[in-house]
Amino acid sequence: MRKWELLQWVGALVAFAAVGLWIAHGGHVFTKDKQMVVHREQDPIFGTTRERVEWRSTFRLGLDIAAPVAAIGGGLWLLSRWQLRRLRRQTDVSQSK
């Protein structure tokens, strides 16, 4: 019975961690591996502004990865919850006899 309780906690932790990390990374639909950084430079002589774009390598978790991981965690939670209820019913029936 202990292993099902542990699996229930692990499943819930995996599901909440995946959703929390997805929200913390911006809630994007697709996973991003680069981030655009725009540098604005002022020309002192002419007074114009020039923009320079730089792409930095980063990792932003998207829903395309977070959703399956959260679904697996939720599935483990549901499976262990169902198994624990089934085991409790069996012990209740055997104790009532």
Foldseek 3Di string as FASTA:
>chain_A
DVVLVVLLVQLVVQLVVLVVLLVVLPAAAAKDQKDKDWDWDADVPPRDIDIDIDIDTDIRDHCVPSVVRNVRSVVSNVVSVVVVVVVVVVVVVVVVD
